[in-house]
Amino acid sequence: MVDVITYITRRSHKPLILIPVILMILSLLYLGVFGLNEGVDLKGGTLVTLELKEPMSETQVSNIITQGLGASEVDTSISGNTATVTISGDVDQADFESKFNNQFGILSFKSVGALLSEAAMGQIAYALIFAFVFMAATVFFVFRDPVPSLAIILSAICNLSIAVGSMSLFGIPLSIASVGALLMLIGYGVDTDILLTTRLLKRKEGDLDDRAEDSCKTGVTLTISALASMVVLFLVVKFFIPSAQVLADISAVLIMGLISDLLSTWLMNLGILKWHMERGGHN
């Protein structure tokens, strides 16, 4: 790990900037082609908790319900002999009971309206835009230099793009939980960018490479620690609490976002700042 950090901070940094940029472009292209899955709290649907009368896998339960109802999307998680099923669209409870009474016992049945409407999603988009603008203004006020401000904005956009593209790739739905995780990623990513920018521009101890290496060691250590905790949470939920799908989605989004933050901060943002400082004669 130390050798990798040394290579990143002391070798030619310009080619490394291309890695997160290429990943961001690929993520946006994939997102544009395949889009994002919408969670039940975004588009509405039906949540059913079932008691299994015989052992079944999640795939078997989903297939039985899909064939019986003709539903376009059925997601199932099983814990013991209890299955939690999410069905796209409204389902009549009496019709459901008559079709699946032999295979399942119904423990709970409820319809869920769309909590995140198009208007709410528009407000989230505006909030993100204003957050980026105010972040840039704050950084410019502190450092009196437009380049670090633009670098932080670009890094945040890259981080968010790769995370959302990964959600599309792995089928993680856009929901209240995943939106919250994405907002957390923005805050965390800006924090690591500020750490990098402050140590490079404000500190004077050592030369530029020394400060870059010191900040990279600190930031990467913090990110890897957070990443390890999210991996543990994801594995615990998947193997021991499969019914807690919301926690699995949050941890999965954070895992992908933290990985993208490593790339966007310590390859792209670091490269831009070093190039800017070397060009301006800073040391």
Foldseek 3Di string as FASTA:
>chain_A
DLVVLLCCLPPQQVVLQVVLVVLLVVLVVLCVVQNFAADCLAAKWKKWKKFFPDDDDQVVVQVLVCVLPVFPDKGWFDDDRIIIITTPDDDDPVSVCVSCVVGIDTPDMDIHHHNCYPVNVVVLVVVVVVVLVVQLVVVCVVQVDNLLSVLLSVLLSSLLSSLRSVCSVVRQHDDPLLSVLNVVLSVLLSVLSCLQCCQQRPDDPDANSVSLSVSLVVSVVVLVVVLVVLVVQLVCCVPPNVVPVSSNSSSSSNNSSSVSSNSSRSRNSSNSVVVVCVVVVHD
